[in-house]
Protein backbone atom coordinates (compact mmCIF):
# COMPACT_ATOMS: atom_id res chain seq x y z
CA MET A 1 39.18 -19.24 36.80
CA ARG A 2 37.47 -22.39 38.02
CA ILE A 3 39.02 -25.51 36.61
CA SER A 4 37.30 -28.69 35.51
CA LEU A 5 38.91 -32.09 35.25
CA ASP A 6 38.25 -34.19 32.18
CA MET A 7 39.25 -37.71 31.17
CA GLY A 8 40.16 -36.44 27.73
CA ALA A 9 42.37 -37.79 25.01
CA ALA A 10 45.88 -36.84 24.05
CA ASN A 11 45.86 -35.76 20.42
CA ARG A 12 48.69 -35.27 17.99
CA SER A 13 48.44 -33.98 14.44
CA TYR A 14 50.79 -34.37 11.48
CA PRO A 15 50.54 -32.78 8.02
CA GLY A 16 50.42 -35.15 5.08
CA VAL A 17 49.37 -35.59 1.46
CA ILE A 18 46.86 -37.86 -0.26
CA VAL A 19 48.59 -40.45 -2.46
CA ALA A 20 47.62 -43.60 -4.32
CA ARG A 21 48.45 -46.91 -2.73
CA HIS A 22 49.97 -48.15 -5.98
CA GLU A 23 51.96 -45.97 -8.37
CA THR A 24 53.77 -47.25 -11.45
CA GLN A 25 56.71 -45.48 -13.04
CA GLU A 26 56.23 -46.38 -16.69
CA SER A 27 59.47 -46.58 -18.69
CA PHE A 28 60.70 -47.81 -22.08
CA ARG A 29 62.35 -51.21 -22.24
CA VAL A 30 64.78 -49.83 -24.82
CA GLY A 31 66.61 -46.53 -25.06
CA GLY A 32 66.11 -43.87 -27.70
CA ARG A 33 64.75 -40.45 -28.57
CA ILE A 34 61.14 -39.74 -27.60
CA GLU A 35 59.19 -38.89 -30.72
CA LYS A 36 55.84 -38.16 -29.06
CA ARG A 37 54.28 -38.03 -25.59
CA SER A 38 50.52 -38.58 -25.67
CA VAL A 39 49.48 -37.78 -22.08
CA ASP A 40 49.83 -34.98 -19.54
CA VAL A 41 49.54 -34.77 -15.76
CA GLY A 42 45.94 -35.36 -14.68
CA ASP A 43 44.93 -37.42 -17.73
CA HIS A 44 43.01 -40.62 -17.06
CA VAL A 45 44.48 -43.61 -18.91
CA ARG A 46 43.36 -47.17 -19.60
CA GLU A 47 45.40 -50.35 -19.52
CA GLY A 48 47.17 -50.74 -22.87
CA GLN A 49 46.82 -47.08 -23.85
CA ILE A 50 49.87 -45.57 -25.57
CA LEU A 51 51.63 -43.05 -23.33
CA ALA A 52 54.64 -42.18 -25.50
CA THR A 53 56.56 -43.43 -28.55
CA LEU A 54 60.23 -43.55 -29.51
CA ASP A 55 61.82 -42.81 -32.86
CA GLU A 56 61.64 -46.24 -34.56
CA LYS A 57 64.27 -45.64 -37.25
CA ASP A 58 67.20 -47.42 -35.58
CA LEU A 59 65.02 -50.18 -34.16
CA ARG A 60 63.45 -50.83 -37.55
CA LEU A 61 66.91 -51.03 -39.15
CA SER A 62 67.93 -53.58 -36.52
CA MET A 63 64.86 -55.66 -37.30
CA GLU A 64 65.51 -55.51 -41.06
CA SER A 65 69.13 -56.53 -40.46
CA ALA A 66 67.96 -59.47 -38.36
CA GLN A 67 65.50 -60.43 -41.12
CA ALA A 68 68.32 -60.41 -43.69
CA GLU A 69 70.49 -62.56 -41.42
CA ARG A 70 67.66 -65.05 -41.13
CA ASN A 71 67.15 -65.19 -44.90
CA ALA A 72 70.84 -65.92 -45.33
CA ALA A 73 70.66 -68.59 -42.63
CA VAL A 74 67.70 -70.24 -44.40
CA SER A 75 69.60 -70.38 -47.70
CA ASN A 76 72.71 -71.76 -45.99
CA LYS A 77 70.67 -74.42 -44.21
CA ASP A 78 68.91 -75.51 -47.42
CA GLN A 79 72.27 -75.82 -49.21
CA ALA A 80 73.84 -77.73 -46.32
CA ILE A 81 70.93 -80.19 -46.12
CA THR A 82 71.07 -80.76 -49.89
CA GLU A 83 74.80 -81.50 -49.69
CA GLU A 84 74.22 -83.88 -46.79
CA ARG A 85 71.61 -85.84 -48.73
CA ARG A 86 73.81 -86.02 -51.84
CA TYR A 87 76.77 -87.30 -49.86
CA ALA A 88 74.54 -89.80 -48.13
CA THR A 89 73.65 -91.22 -51.55
CA LEU A 90 77.28 -91.26 -52.62
CA LEU A 91 78.27 -92.98 -49.37
CA SER A 92 75.75 -95.73 -50.00
CA LYS A 93 77.48 -96.35 -53.37
CA ASN A 94 80.92 -96.21 -51.77
CA VAL A 95 81.87 -93.18 -53.88
CA VAL A 96 82.86 -91.05 -50.89
CA SER A 97 84.35 -91.95 -47.55
CA GLN A 98 82.57 -91.92 -44.21
CA SER A 99 84.66 -88.97 -43.01
CA GLU A 100 83.61 -86.86 -46.00
CA TYR A 101 79.96 -87.56 -45.28
CA ASP A 102 80.46 -86.75 -41.59
CA LEU A 103 81.80 -83.29 -42.53
CA LYS A 104 78.69 -82.57 -44.61
CA HIS A 105 76.47 -83.80 -41.79
CA LEU A 106 78.18 -81.51 -39.30
CA SER A 107 77.83 -78.59 -41.71
CA ALA A 108 74.09 -79.25 -41.97
CA GLU A 109 73.75 -79.34 -38.17
CA GLU A 110 75.68 -76.08 -37.90
CA ALA A 111 73.40 -74.49 -40.51
CA ARG A 112 70.32 -75.55 -38.54
CA ALA A 113 71.78 -73.99 -35.37
CA ARG A 114 72.60 -70.77 -37.20
CA LEU A 115 69.03 -70.58 -38.48
CA GLU A 116 67.68 -71.08 -34.94
CA LYS A 117 69.93 -68.27 -33.69
CA ALA A 118 68.81 -66.02 -36.53
CA ASP A 119 65.15 -66.75 -35.69
CA ARG A 120 65.68 -65.71 -32.09
CA SER A 121 67.58 -62.57 -33.12
CA LEU A 122 64.69 -61.63 -35.39
CA LYS A 123 62.16 -62.17 -32.61
CA LEU A 124 64.25 -60.02 -30.26
CA ALA A 125 64.56 -57.24 -32.82
CA THR A 126 60.81 -57.40 -33.51
CA SER A 127 60.07 -57.21 -29.79
CA GLN A 128 62.40 -54.22 -29.38
CA LEU A 129 60.59 -52.47 -32.20
CA GLY A 130 57.35 -53.05 -30.29
CA TYR A 131 58.97 -51.62 -27.16
CA ALA A 132 59.17 -48.27 -28.95
CA ARG A 133 55.56 -47.79 -27.80
CA LEU A 134 55.15 -47.16 -24.09
CA VAL A 135 51.75 -48.41 -22.93
CA SER A 136 50.04 -48.12 -19.55
CA SER A 137 50.13 -51.27 -17.46
CA ASN A 138 47.01 -50.31 -15.45
CA ASP A 139 43.95 -48.09 -15.45
CA GLY A 140 44.70 -44.90 -13.54
CA VAL A 141 45.60 -41.24 -13.65
CA VAL A 142 48.89 -39.61 -14.66
CA THR A 143 50.49 -37.98 -11.61
CA LYS A 144 53.92 -37.09 -13.00
CA VAL A 145 55.67 -36.61 -16.33
CA SER A 146 59.45 -37.01 -16.31
CA ALA A 147 60.40 -36.68 -19.98
CA GLU A 148 59.44 -34.61 -23.01
CA ALA A 149 59.32 -35.17 -26.76
CA GLY A 150 62.81 -34.91 -28.28
CA GLN A 151 64.53 -36.06 -25.11
CA VAL A 152 66.84 -39.07 -25.30
CA VAL A 153 66.04 -41.57 -22.53
CA SER A 154 67.84 -44.68 -21.41
CA GLN A 155 66.36 -48.12 -20.84
CA GLY A 156 64.28 -48.16 -17.64
CA GLN A 157 64.27 -44.36 -17.16
CA SER A 158 60.93 -43.16 -15.79
CA VAL A 159 58.86 -41.28 -18.35
CA VAL A 160 55.32 -41.20 -16.90
CA THR A 161 54.05 -42.04 -13.40
CA VAL A 162 50.55 -43.53 -13.27
CA ALA A 163 48.58 -43.84 -10.03
CA ARG A 164 46.43 -46.93 -10.20
CA LYS A 165 42.71 -46.49 -9.62
CA GLY A 166 41.54 -47.75 -6.26
CA ALA A 167 42.70 -47.31 -2.68
CA LEU A 168 43.90 -43.92 -1.47
CA GLU A 169 46.29 -43.29 1.39
CA VAL A 170 47.68 -40.40 3.40
CA LEU A 171 51.46 -40.13 3.52
CA VAL A 172 52.92 -38.40 6.59
CA ASP A 173 56.37 -37.94 8.11
CA ILE A 174 56.52 -38.82 11.82
CA PRO A 175 59.49 -37.94 14.07
CA GLU A 176 61.57 -40.83 15.33
CA ARG A 177 60.70 -40.09 18.97
CA ASN A 178 57.01 -40.81 18.25
CA ILE A 179 57.31 -43.70 15.82
CA GLN A 180 57.21 -46.45 18.46
CA ASP A 181 53.76 -45.74 19.88
CA ILE A 182 51.69 -45.05 16.75
CA LYS A 183 50.60 -48.64 16.10
CA GLU A 184 48.05 -48.74 18.91
CA LYS A 185 46.67 -45.21 18.49
CA PRO A 186 43.33 -44.62 16.74
CA ALA A 187 43.81 -42.41 13.69
CA GLU A 188 41.65 -40.10 11.59
CA THR A 189 42.38 -37.89 8.61
CA SER A 190 40.90 -34.55 7.64
CA LEU A 191 41.45 -32.48 4.51
CA TRP A 192 42.64 -28.89 4.66
CA SER A 193 39.89 -28.03 2.19
CA ASN A 194 37.25 -29.35 4.63
CA SER A 195 38.62 -29.81 8.14
CA ASP A 196 35.17 -30.57 9.60
CA VAL A 197 34.97 -33.99 7.95
CA ARG A 198 37.17 -36.78 9.25
CA TYR A 199 37.92 -40.15 7.65
CA ARG A 200 38.95 -43.31 9.44
CA ALA A 201 42.63 -44.09 8.86
CA THR A 202 44.33 -47.47 9.20
CA LEU A 203 48.09 -47.87 9.57
CA ARG A 204 49.45 -49.82 6.61
CA GLU A 205 53.16 -49.18 6.27
CA ILE A 206 56.07 -47.70 8.22
CA SER A 207 59.30 -46.98 6.39
CA PRO A 208 62.10 -49.21 7.71
CA SER A 209 64.60 -46.33 7.74
CA ALA A 210 64.48 -42.63 8.61
CA ASP A 211 65.09 -39.82 6.17
CA PRO A 212 68.77 -38.85 6.63
CA ALA A 213 68.01 -35.11 6.49
CA THR A 214 64.82 -34.75 8.55
CA ARG A 215 65.17 -37.87 10.76
CA THR A 216 61.50 -38.66 10.17
CA TYR A 217 59.85 -41.88 9.03
CA ALA A 218 57.49 -42.02 6.07
CA VAL A 219 54.24 -43.59 7.25
CA ARG A 220 51.24 -44.55 5.14
CA TYR A 221 47.67 -44.79 6.44
CA ALA A 222 44.94 -46.37 4.32
CA LEU A 223 41.63 -44.50 3.94
CA PRO A 224 38.97 -47.20 3.52
CA ASP A 225 36.08 -44.71 3.80
CA ALA A 226 37.43 -42.10 1.36
CA ASP A 227 34.78 -40.63 -0.93
CA SER A 228 34.90 -38.66 -4.17
CA SER A 229 35.93 -35.47 -2.35
CA VAL A 230 39.29 -37.04 -1.45
CA ARG A 231 41.61 -36.52 -4.42
CA LEU A 232 45.22 -37.26 -5.18
CA GLY A 233 47.66 -34.58 -4.08
CA MET A 234 45.34 -32.95 -1.53
CA THR A 235 46.89 -31.69 1.69
CA ALA A 236 45.64 -33.58 4.71
CA THR A 237 46.09 -33.75 8.48
CA LEU A 238 46.53 -37.02 10.34
CA HIS A 239 45.06 -37.01 13.85
CA LEU A 240 46.34 -39.57 16.37
CA SER A 241 44.55 -39.94 19.68
CA GLU A 242 45.24 -41.91 22.83
CA PRO A 243 42.82 -42.15 25.78
CA ALA A 244 44.26 -40.35 28.77
CA SER A 245 44.89 -42.44 31.90
CA LEU A 246 44.46 -39.45 34.28
CA GLN A 247 41.98 -36.65 34.63
CA THR A 248 43.54 -33.46 33.35
CA ALA A 249 42.65 -29.79 33.54
CA ARG A 250 43.11 -27.38 30.66
CA ILE A 251 44.52 -24.11 31.98
CA PRO A 252 46.18 -21.06 30.39
CA ALA A 253 49.93 -21.40 30.12
CA SER A 254 50.17 -18.07 31.99
CA ALA A 255 48.85 -19.81 35.12
CA MET A 256 51.98 -22.01 35.31
CA PHE A 257 54.67 -21.02 37.82
CA ASN A 258 57.95 -22.69 38.75
CA GLN A 259 59.65 -21.94 42.04
CA GLY A 260 62.59 -24.18 41.27
CA LYS A 261 60.90 -27.40 42.41
CA GLY A 262 58.82 -28.08 39.32
CA PRO A 263 55.75 -26.50 37.74
CA GLY A 264 52.70 -25.60 39.75
CA ILE A 265 49.75 -23.24 40.08
CA TRP A 266 48.37 -20.87 42.71
CA SER A 267 45.14 -22.21 44.20
CA VAL A 268 42.75 -19.82 45.96
CA ASP A 269 40.89 -20.91 49.10
CA PRO A 270 37.20 -20.12 48.38
CA GLN A 271 36.52 -19.02 51.97
CA SER A 272 39.58 -17.06 53.02
CA GLY A 273 41.10 -16.12 49.66
CA GLU A 274 44.46 -17.48 50.83
CA LEU A 275 46.90 -18.67 48.18
CA LYS A 276 48.40 -22.12 48.20
CA PHE A 277 50.99 -23.46 45.74
CA ARG A 278 50.03 -26.82 44.23
CA SER A 279 52.46 -28.89 42.17
CA VAL A 280 51.21 -30.22 38.85
CA THR A 281 52.51 -32.41 36.03
CA VAL A 282 52.18 -31.22 32.45
CA ASP A 283 50.77 -33.81 30.06
CA ARG A 284 51.06 -31.70 26.93
CA TYR A 285 50.80 -28.18 25.58
CA SER A 286 48.54 -26.66 22.97
CA GLU A 287 49.05 -23.29 21.30
CA ARG A 288 48.18 -21.24 24.40
CA ASP A 289 47.10 -23.72 27.07
CA ALA A 290 48.57 -26.55 29.11
CA PHE A 291 46.95 -29.85 30.10
CA VAL A 292 47.97 -30.71 33.65
CA HIS A 293 47.14 -33.13 36.45
CA GLY A 294 48.17 -33.35 40.07
CA GLN A 295 46.82 -31.82 43.32
CA LEU A 296 43.67 -30.54 41.64
CA ALA A 297 39.93 -31.02 42.06
CA ASN A 298 36.87 -30.01 40.06
CA GLY A 299 35.85 -26.44 40.84
CA ASP A 300 39.23 -25.32 42.23
CA ILE A 301 39.89 -21.60 41.71
CA ILE A 302 43.34 -20.78 40.33
CA VAL A 303 45.18 -17.60 39.42
CA THR A 304 45.75 -17.21 35.69
CA SER A 305 47.73 -13.96 35.46
CA GLY A 306 50.46 -12.26 37.45
CA VAL A 307 51.48 -15.50 39.16
CA GLN A 308 55.10 -14.42 39.46
CA LYS A 309 54.10 -11.56 41.81
CA LEU A 310 52.39 -13.78 44.39
CA ASP A 311 53.65 -15.62 47.47
CA GLU A 312 52.40 -18.49 49.59
CA GLY A 313 49.77 -17.38 52.12
CA MET A 314 48.82 -14.11 50.44
CA ARG A 315 45.10 -13.28 50.30
CA VAL A 316 43.41 -12.31 47.05
CA ARG A 317 39.88 -11.74 45.79
CA LEU A 318 38.21 -12.01 42.42
CA ALA A 319 38.22 -8.83 40.42
CA ASP A 320 34.39 -8.73 40.19
CA ALA A 321 33.70 -9.95 43.74
CA PRO A 322 32.86 -7.70 46.72
CA GLN A 323 35.62 -6.94 49.18
CA GLY A 324 36.43 -10.10 51.18
CA ASP A 325 34.41 -12.43 48.92
CA VAL A 326 36.18 -14.69 46.40
CA ARG A 327 33.28 -16.98 45.51
C-alpha cells in the first residue's frame, strides 16, 4: 500500500452516563414507618410536592403530650404569680417576712421558665409532626426510590432521589494513568442512541480520590449545548482529542515487524523493488491499525502482509503489476 502522512489528532474515548448536575437525596427528618409513597421513578415533581408520608400516630401522641405539659405549666405559672402578688401585699403590711416573699418570687420565676420550656417542647413536637410529610426541595424528576410503604426508616435515610431540572452532565471513569492530561484536551460527547451527533463537553469536576476497586477517577463534564434528545440515564461516549505534534501514517498492524531493535516496516523502492527496513515509532493503536511516524514520506510503498518472511535487500513486486514493475 502507499502511505499518506497526516497531521491528525490523537483521540481517546471513554464510556459514560448522562446525569444531572444536582441530585438531592430526600429523607425524613424523623424516623418512623412509611405510610404512603406518592411518586415513582421517572415522575416529575414540583418544589413542595409531597413525596411520602410517615405514620403520624406516635408523633401526634408526642405533640398532645407536649400540649398537656404546656397546659399544666400555664396553670402552675398563674398560681405562682398569684401567690407572689399576695405575698407582696402581705410584705407591705409586715405580715410576712422578706424571706417568705423571696421564696414565692423564686417559685414564680421557676414557673415562668417551665412554661417557656413547655412552649419550646410543644413547638418541637409540632414541627416533628410536620416532618412526617416528605416534600421535594426542588423542581425535578425522580431518579431513584430507596424505600417502600410499610418500611421503617431512620432519620436521614434516603427515601427518594430527585434530579434537579437544569444542567446535564456526562459522568465517566478515567484511568489514573490518563487523569493528569485531560484538563487541556478538547472534549465532545456523543450518545449511543445517535453517535453521529456530538455535543461540546466542558470539564467541571475530577474526583479527588480513585475508586479502590477499579483505580479510576470519576470525572464530570458539563454539556452546555445539550438539547431535548439528551436524557438522564442515557449511555454516552466521551471523546478526548489532542492535536498531534508529528505527521503520522495509519497502516495495518500486520505491516509492523520487529527484528529485536524496535518496530519497523518494510519499504519498497519504487524503481528496483528492493526492500529496506525502516524504523518507526508507534503513537497509538486502533482496533486493527497502528498510527506511526519515523523514516516515512508521503507516497512510500510498504508491505502489509507476510512481513516476517522477508529480508533486507530482497526484491518484490506488486501483485497486480507486470513482472519487474512495482509502480
